[in-house]
């Protein structure tokens, strides 16, 4: 390697050694400040003090480094706040209750919709030997599980094309259910109509709103009325009960067969790689050493940089966030849902979550589970 770059790197190494020593010294003083704030019941976050620190730091660097200096000082202060809160929280956090044993006999699983729904296909994949029930709305599934009338519920949570299904996230928080499993189903939408009907006969199309979104290009130039239904299989069922041949539905081939209808056009999705992720919900968590995914929900203070602070622990430990979604809780506050790789039985994961809890207003683990292929 070139001797010049080696010399430059030696200079960097010397500076890094001093930075680490100064960082350790800074964090020791941070601890003392945290102790004082706790004793005198003072808030950890002091906006005016932090602004003064940033202003002083940027005044000492050239103009081309001011934004970098700002980021450096805000990151240091975020770490300091996280450290102080971590000391207050201690190490006894139980982020999930002890795991329950999965049900093995007499399982009842419920999905949303009617026979032929994509949710039913997911439920059959996840619980091939279970008694399956169905409910009209997503919330009905959660209610049946929460009340103990079903062992498990199967609901969609994400589509590879249209993204997150926000209602599922809202209901997870509302009902306090746990995610205990997940799978993916390939979605092959068809346009379904009465036997003998042709594309030119169609004047109105029924589907769940997600079905419309996932078939946008096919529907784009069609002068059809779009009628939203609670489920694609319900939409197909409605077509079977309609008069004439003007009505069509977006749904599955199975739903068409169950209702004695024809496929007018197949594979009408915008993407050939259209998949939907379904999660299994239960009243109690179920996890073991093979679980490799964790879902969490958290809320943040309404101030600049709060989300960045919540993500810093993942950066520090190298744990992978596979998804993060936001849902409004009030006009100016959001609740976040995130999925990460890892296992709640891993001490490093627990330590990371403890740090996340330290910089959020509220944080809860809503499941540790495994994807079923």
Protein backbone atom coordinates (compact mmCIF):
# COMPACT_ATOMS: atom_id res chain seq x y z
CA UNK A 1 0.00 0.00 0.00
CA UNK A 2 1.16 3.55 -0.72
CA UNK A 3 3.23 4.98 2.14
CA UNK A 4 1.39 8.31 1.98
CA UNK A 5 -2.02 6.76 2.72
CA UNK A 6 -0.49 4.70 5.52
CA UNK A 7 0.91 7.86 7.08
CA UNK A 8 -2.44 9.62 6.80
CA UNK A 9 -4.20 6.67 8.41
CA UNK A 10 -1.73 6.71 11.27
CA UNK A 11 -2.73 10.33 11.84
CA UNK A 12 -6.42 9.33 11.85
CA UNK A 13 -5.69 6.53 14.34
CA UNK A 14 -3.95 8.97 16.71
CA UNK A 15 -6.90 11.37 16.55
CA UNK A 16 -9.41 8.54 17.06
CA UNK A 17 -7.55 7.45 20.19
CA UNK A 18 -7.89 10.94 21.61
CA UNK A 19 -11.55 11.17 20.55
CA UNK A 20 -12.41 7.91 22.33
CA UNK A 21 -10.65 9.04 25.50
CA UNK A 22 -12.48 12.37 25.40
CA UNK A 23 -15.77 10.60 24.66
CA UNK A 24 -15.32 8.39 27.73
CA UNK A 25 -14.57 11.46 29.82
CA UNK A 26 -17.63 13.24 28.42
CA UNK A 27 -19.92 10.29 29.23
CA UNK A 28 -18.61 10.13 32.83
CA UNK A 29 -19.59 13.77 33.28
CA UNK A 30 -22.88 12.99 31.52
CA UNK A 31 -23.57 10.36 34.19
CA UNK A 32 -22.94 12.87 36.95
CA UNK A 33 -25.31 15.32 35.27
CA UNK A 34 -27.89 12.56 34.96
CA UNK A 35 -27.58 11.75 38.66
CA UNK A 36 -28.07 15.43 39.50
CA UNK A 37 -31.13 15.71 37.26
CA UNK A 38 -32.65 12.62 38.86
CA UNK A 39 -32.04 13.90 42.39
CA UNK A 40 -33.55 17.29 41.57
CA UNK A 41 -36.33 15.97 39.33
CA UNK A 42 -35.09 17.81 36.24
CA UNK A 43 -35.89 16.94 32.64
CA UNK A 44 -33.20 15.09 30.70
CA UNK A 45 -33.83 17.07 27.52
CA UNK A 46 -32.88 20.77 27.61
CA UNK A 47 -33.53 22.29 24.18
CA UNK A 48 -31.90 25.69 24.87
CA UNK A 49 -28.74 24.10 26.29
CA UNK A 50 -28.37 21.76 23.32
CA UNK A 51 -28.93 24.60 20.86
CA UNK A 52 -26.19 26.60 22.59
CA UNK A 53 -23.79 23.65 22.33
CA UNK A 54 -24.45 23.27 18.61
CA UNK A 55 -24.03 26.99 18.01
CA UNK A 56 -20.71 27.05 19.88
CA UNK A 57 -19.38 24.03 17.98
CA UNK A 58 -20.29 25.38 14.54
CA UNK A 59 -18.65 28.71 15.33
CA UNK A 60 -15.31 26.91 15.68
CA UNK A 61 -15.23 25.26 12.25
CA UNK A 62 -15.01 26.49 8.69
CA UNK A 63 -18.20 27.06 6.72
CA UNK A 64 -17.81 23.86 4.69
CA UNK A 65 -17.92 21.77 7.91
CA UNK A 66 -20.76 23.48 9.76
CA UNK A 67 -23.43 20.91 8.82
CA UNK A 68 -21.09 18.03 9.73
CA UNK A 69 -20.27 19.67 13.07
CA UNK A 70 -23.98 20.10 13.76
CA UNK A 71 -24.62 16.41 13.08
CA UNK A 72 -21.66 15.40 15.25
CA UNK A 73 -22.78 17.42 18.26
CA UNK A 74 -26.44 16.41 17.95
CA UNK A 75 -25.37 12.75 17.75
CA UNK A 76 -23.19 13.14 20.84
CA UNK A 77 -26.04 14.74 22.77
CA UNK A 78 -28.46 12.04 21.62
CA UNK A 79 -26.05 9.40 22.92
CA UNK A 80 -25.76 11.29 26.19
CA UNK A 81 -29.55 11.42 26.65
CA UNK A 82 -29.83 7.75 25.78
CA UNK A 83 -27.11 6.92 28.31
CA UNK A 84 -28.80 8.93 31.05
CA UNK A 85 -32.18 7.33 30.41
CA UNK A 86 -30.57 3.88 30.31
CA UNK A 87 -29.14 4.44 33.76
CA UNK A 88 -32.59 5.43 35.01
CA UNK A 89 -34.28 2.40 33.44
CA UNK A 90 -31.87 -0.16 34.79
CA UNK A 91 -31.60 -3.68 33.39
CA UNK A 92 -34.76 -5.44 34.51
CA UNK A 93 -36.98 -4.72 31.50
CA UNK A 94 -39.32 -7.49 30.43
CA UNK A 95 -40.24 -6.60 26.89
CA UNK A 96 -42.38 -9.70 26.32
CA UNK A 97 -44.20 -11.95 28.79
CA UNK A 98 -42.91 -15.54 28.93
CA UNK A 99 -43.78 -17.51 25.82
CA UNK A 100 -46.92 -19.64 25.78
CA UNK A 101 -46.89 -23.09 24.25
CA UNK A 102 -48.37 -23.09 20.74
CA UNK A 103 -51.80 -24.70 20.48
CA UNK A 104 -51.58 -28.20 19.00
CA UNK A 105 -55.03 -29.81 19.22
CA UNK A 106 -58.47 -28.45 18.48
CA UNK A 107 -57.09 -25.28 16.90
CA UNK A 108 -59.55 -22.72 15.63
CA UNK A 109 -58.18 -20.03 13.34
CA UNK A 110 -60.23 -17.18 11.93
CA UNK A 111 -59.65 -15.03 8.84
CA UNK A 112 -61.38 -11.97 7.41
CA UNK A 113 -63.71 -12.39 4.48
CA UNK A 114 -65.57 -15.37 3.06
CA UNK A 115 -64.35 -18.67 1.56
CA UNK A 116 -62.11 -17.96 -1.41
CA UNK A 117 -60.46 -14.92 0.21
CA UNK A 118 -56.70 -14.57 0.00
CA UNK A 119 -56.76 -14.59 3.80
CA UNK A 120 -58.35 -18.03 3.74
CA UNK A 121 -55.53 -19.31 1.53
CA UNK A 122 -53.01 -17.91 4.00
CA UNK A 123 -54.89 -19.48 6.91
CA UNK A 124 -54.93 -22.90 5.20
CA UNK A 125 -51.19 -22.64 4.58
CA UNK A 126 -50.49 -21.70 8.21
CA UNK A 127 -53.02 -24.06 9.83
CA UNK A 128 -53.70 -26.94 7.42
CA UNK A 129 -55.39 -29.10 10.09
CA UNK A 130 -57.26 -26.39 11.99
CA UNK A 131 -60.94 -25.56 12.08
CA UNK A 132 -61.24 -22.35 10.07
CA UNK A 133 -63.76 -19.63 10.72
CA UNK A 134 -64.26 -16.29 9.03
CA UNK A 135 -65.37 -12.81 10.01
CA UNK A 136 -66.69 -9.85 8.08
CA UNK A 137 -64.15 -7.22 9.14
CA UNK A 138 -60.52 -7.11 10.28
CA UNK A 139 -61.64 -5.85 13.69
CA UNK A 140 -63.94 -8.85 14.07
CA UNK A 141 -60.91 -11.14 13.75
CA UNK A 142 -59.13 -9.31 16.56
CA UNK A 143 -62.26 -9.37 18.73
CA UNK A 144 -62.70 -13.14 18.32
CA UNK A 145 -59.07 -13.78 19.23
CA UNK A 146 -59.08 -11.39 22.17
CA UNK A 147 -62.28 -12.91 23.57
CA UNK A 148 -60.88 -16.43 23.27
CA UNK A 149 -63.40 -17.58 20.65
CA UNK A 150 -60.51 -18.37 18.30
CA UNK A 151 -56.95 -19.45 19.09
CA UNK A 152 -55.45 -17.51 16.22
CA UNK A 153 -56.34 -14.87 13.65
CA UNK A 154 -54.83 -14.42 10.20
CA UNK A 155 -54.76 -10.88 8.78
CA UNK A 156 -52.82 -9.16 5.96
CA UNK A 157 -50.18 -6.64 7.01
CA UNK A 158 -48.20 -5.72 3.90
CA UNK A 159 -48.38 -6.01 0.13
CA UNK A 160 -45.22 -6.02 -1.98
CA UNK A 161 -46.81 -3.53 -4.37
CA UNK A 162 -49.13 -1.25 -2.40
CA UNK A 163 -47.26 -1.32 0.91
CA UNK A 164 -48.45 -1.52 4.51
CA UNK A 165 -52.05 -2.24 5.45
CA UNK A 166 -52.51 0.45 8.06
CA UNK A 167 -55.69 -0.91 9.62
CA UNK A 168 -53.87 -4.03 10.80
CA UNK A 169 -51.24 -1.95 12.58
CA UNK A 170 -53.91 0.18 14.25
CA UNK A 171 -55.78 -2.90 15.47
CA UNK A 172 -52.62 -4.56 16.82
CA UNK A 173 -52.15 -1.59 19.11
CA UNK A 174 -55.86 -1.22 19.96
CA UNK A 175 -56.44 -4.85 20.98
CA UNK A 176 -53.03 -5.68 22.45
CA UNK A 177 -52.69 -8.89 20.45
CA UNK A 178 -49.29 -10.42 19.71
CA UNK A 179 -47.81 -11.41 16.37
CA UNK A 180 -46.81 -15.09 16.58
CA UNK A 181 -46.14 -15.97 12.94
CA UNK A 182 -46.01 -14.69 9.37
CA UNK A 183 -46.20 -15.98 5.82
CA UNK A 184 -46.37 -14.68 2.24
CA UNK A 185 -49.01 -15.52 -0.36
CA UNK A 186 -48.63 -14.89 -4.10
CA UNK A 187 -51.56 -12.73 -5.21
CA UNK A 188 -52.79 -13.50 -8.73
CA UNK A 189 -55.78 -11.24 -9.29
CA UNK A 190 -58.39 -12.09 -11.93
CA UNK A 191 -61.32 -10.18 -13.33
CA UNK A 192 -64.34 -12.37 -12.58
CA UNK A 193 -67.84 -12.15 -14.03
CA UNK A 194 -71.01 -14.14 -14.71
CA UNK A 195 -70.70 -17.18 -17.03
CA UNK A 196 -70.63 -16.03 -20.66
CA UNK A 197 -69.96 -12.39 -19.81
CA UNK A 198 -67.40 -10.52 -21.92
CA UNK A 199 -65.08 -7.64 -21.04
CA UNK A 200 -67.25 -5.29 -23.08
CA UNK A 201 -70.27 -6.14 -20.92
CA UNK A 202 -68.69 -4.85 -17.71
CA UNK A 203 -69.90 -1.52 -16.32
CA UNK A 204 -69.00 -1.82 -12.63
CA UNK A 205 -66.26 -3.64 -10.74
CA UNK A 206 -66.24 -4.76 -7.10
CA UNK A 207 -63.12 -5.25 -4.96
CA UNK A 208 -61.37 -4.44 -1.74
CA UNK A 209 -59.55 -1.06 -2.06
CA UNK A 210 -56.23 -2.94 -2.04
CA UNK A 211 -57.37 -4.90 -5.08
CA UNK A 212 -58.04 -1.66 -6.95
CA UNK A 213 -54.61 -0.32 -6.03
CA UNK A 214 -52.83 -3.50 -7.06
CA UNK A 215 -54.57 -3.53 -10.47
CA UNK A 216 -54.29 0.17 -11.21
CA UNK A 217 -52.87 -0.15 -14.72
CA UNK A 218 -55.54 -2.62 -15.83
CA UNK A 219 -58.34 -0.38 -14.54
CA UNK A 220 -56.81 2.93 -15.60
CA UNK A 221 -58.64 3.40 -18.91
CA UNK A 222 -61.79 1.46 -18.05
CA UNK A 223 -64.91 3.66 -17.63
CA UNK A 224 -66.23 1.43 -14.85
CA UNK A 225 -67.73 2.34 -11.52
CA UNK A 226 -65.53 1.03 -8.72
CA UNK A 227 -67.40 -0.30 -5.71
CA UNK A 228 -65.32 -0.96 -2.59
CA UNK A 229 -66.05 -4.12 -0.62
CA UNK A 230 -64.71 -5.47 2.67
CA UNK A 231 -62.88 -8.32 0.94
CA UNK A 232 -62.12 -9.53 -2.61
CA UNK A 233 -63.98 -12.79 -1.99
CA UNK A 234 -67.01 -10.83 -0.77
CA UNK A 235 -66.77 -8.84 -4.00
CA UNK A 236 -66.86 -12.07 -6.03
CA UNK A 237 -69.80 -13.32 -3.99
CA UNK A 238 -71.65 -10.04 -4.69
CA UNK A 239 -71.17 -10.53 -8.44
CA UNK A 240 -72.64 -14.04 -8.21
CA UNK A 241 -75.75 -12.56 -6.56
CA UNK A 242 -76.12 -9.68 -9.04
CA UNK A 243 -78.45 -9.54 -12.04
CA UNK A 244 -77.21 -9.42 -15.62
CA UNK A 245 -73.61 -9.31 -16.80
CA UNK A 246 -72.63 -5.70 -16.06
CA UNK A 247 -70.90 -6.51 -12.73
CA UNK A 248 -67.39 -7.93 -12.33
CA UNK A 249 -65.04 -8.42 -9.42
CA UNK A 250 -61.31 -8.51 -8.75
CA UNK A 251 -60.46 -11.66 -6.84
CA UNK A 252 -58.88 -15.10 -6.83
CA UNK A 253 -59.41 -18.02 -9.17
CA UNK A 254 -60.56 -20.04 -6.14
CA UNK A 255 -63.26 -17.48 -5.35
CA UNK A 256 -64.47 -17.68 -8.94
CA UNK A 257 -64.69 -21.47 -8.79
CA UNK A 258 -66.52 -21.45 -5.45
CA UNK A 259 -69.15 -19.08 -6.85
CA UNK A 260 -69.51 -20.70 -10.28
CA UNK A 261 -68.18 -17.64 -12.14
CA UNK A 262 -65.91 -17.16 -15.15
CA UNK A 263 -62.44 -15.63 -15.44
CA UNK A 264 -62.75 -12.76 -17.92
CA UNK A 265 -59.10 -11.68 -17.58
CA UNK A 266 -56.35 -13.24 -15.51
CA UNK A 267 -53.17 -11.92 -13.91
CA UNK A 268 -54.36 -8.32 -14.06
CA UNK A 269 -52.00 -7.11 -11.30
CA UNK A 270 -49.59 -4.27 -12.03
CA UNK A 271 -46.71 -6.51 -10.96
CA UNK A 272 -46.11 -10.18 -11.63
CA UNK A 273 -44.37 -10.34 -8.26
CA UNK A 274 -47.45 -9.33 -6.28
CA UNK A 275 -47.30 -10.87 -2.80
CA UNK A 276 -49.08 -10.17 0.46
CA UNK A 277 -47.67 -10.82 3.90
CA UNK A 278 -50.12 -12.25 6.45
CA UNK A 279 -49.47 -12.33 10.18
CA UNK A 280 -50.86 -14.66 12.82
CA UNK A 281 -52.23 -12.92 15.91
CA UNK A 282 -52.80 -14.46 19.34
CA UNK A 283 -53.71 -13.39 22.85
CA UNK A 284 -50.29 -14.37 24.22
CA UNK A 285 -46.80 -14.32 22.70
CA UNK A 286 -45.28 -17.52 21.34
CA UNK A 287 -41.56 -17.66 20.64
CA UNK A 288 -38.53 -19.94 20.95
CA UNK A 289 -34.88 -20.14 19.95
CA UNK A 290 -35.81 -20.42 16.26
CA UNK A 291 -37.75 -17.14 16.16
CA UNK A 292 -35.92 -14.63 13.97
CA UNK A 293 -38.20 -11.57 13.66
CA UNK A 294 -39.36 -9.02 16.22
CA UNK A 295 -42.12 -6.42 15.83
CA UNK A 296 -42.15 -3.31 18.01
CA UNK A 297 -44.25 -0.19 18.30
CA UNK A 298 -43.09 3.12 19.75
CA UNK A 299 -43.99 6.79 19.99
CA UNK A 300 -41.65 9.77 20.09
CA UNK A 301 -41.47 13.28 21.46
CA UNK A 302 -42.60 15.81 18.86
CA UNK A 303 -39.21 17.45 18.24
CA UNK A 304 -36.46 17.50 15.67
CA UNK A 305 -34.17 14.46 15.68
CA UNK A 306 -36.30 12.20 17.89
CA UNK A 307 -36.67 9.49 15.21
CA UNK A 308 -32.94 9.60 14.50
CA UNK A 309 -32.25 9.01 18.20
CA UNK A 310 -34.58 6.00 18.24
CA UNK A 311 -32.71 4.45 15.30
CA UNK A 312 -29.21 5.05 16.68
CA UNK A 313 -29.20 1.88 18.87
CA UNK A 314 -29.83 -0.25 15.76
CA UNK A 315 -26.94 1.44 13.98
CA UNK A 316 -24.68 0.88 16.96
CA UNK A 317 -25.41 -2.86 17.31
CA UNK A 318 -25.84 -3.65 13.63
CA UNK A 319 -29.31 -5.14 14.06
CA UNK A 320 -31.29 -4.96 10.83
CA UNK A 321 -34.58 -3.06 10.64
CA UNK A 322 -36.52 -4.71 7.83
CA UNK A 323 -39.49 -2.35 7.90
CA UNK A 324 -40.70 0.81 9.62
CA UNK A 325 -44.17 2.34 9.27
CA UNK A 326 -45.79 5.40 10.83
CA UNK A 327 -49.43 5.85 11.80
CA UNK A 328 -50.96 9.12 13.09
CA UNK A 329 -52.11 9.00 16.71
CA UNK A 330 -52.97 12.72 17.04
CA UNK A 331 -52.73 15.58 14.50
CA UNK A 332 -49.07 16.22 15.42
CA UNK A 333 -47.95 12.86 16.84
CA UNK A 334 -47.18 9.56 15.15
CA UNK A 335 -46.90 5.99 16.33
CA UNK A 336 -44.22 3.91 14.65
CA UNK A 337 -44.22 0.19 13.92
CA UNK A 338 -40.94 -1.52 13.09
CA UNK A 339 -39.81 -5.03 12.24
CA UNK A 340 -36.28 -6.19 12.96
CA UNK A 341 -34.30 -9.37 12.61
CA UNK A 342 -33.37 -10.97 15.90
CA UNK A 343 -34.67 -12.95 18.85
CA UNK A 344 -35.97 -11.58 22.13
CA UNK A 345 -33.96 -14.31 23.91
CA UNK A 346 -30.71 -12.73 22.67
CA UNK A 347 -29.15 -10.45 25.36
CA UNK A 348 -27.75 -8.12 22.68
CA UNK A 349 -31.24 -7.65 21.22
CA UNK A 350 -32.68 -6.93 24.67
CA UNK A 351 -29.92 -4.39 25.32
CA UNK A 352 -30.69 -2.67 22.01
CA UNK A 353 -34.40 -2.52 22.84
CA UNK A 354 -33.57 -1.10 26.27
CA UNK A 355 -31.71 1.74 24.58
CA UNK A 356 -34.62 2.31 22.19
CA UNK A 357 -37.01 2.43 25.15
CA UNK A 358 -34.72 4.98 26.74
CA UNK A 359 -35.12 7.53 23.94
CA UNK A 360 -38.81 7.01 23.14
CA UNK A 361 -41.91 8.15 24.98
CA UNK A 362 -43.34 4.64 24.75
CA UNK A 363 -42.04 1.36 23.35
CA UNK A 364 -43.64 -2.08 23.28
CA UNK A 365 -42.66 -5.41 21.70
CA UNK A 366 -45.70 -6.87 19.95
CA UNK A 367 -44.19 -10.14 18.83
CA UNK A 368 -41.20 -12.42 18.35
CA UNK A 369 -41.86 -15.00 15.66
CA UNK A 370 -40.72 -16.79 12.53
CA UNK A 371 -41.71 -16.58 8.87
CA UNK A 372 -43.37 -19.75 7.59
CA UNK A 373 -42.37 -20.31 3.98
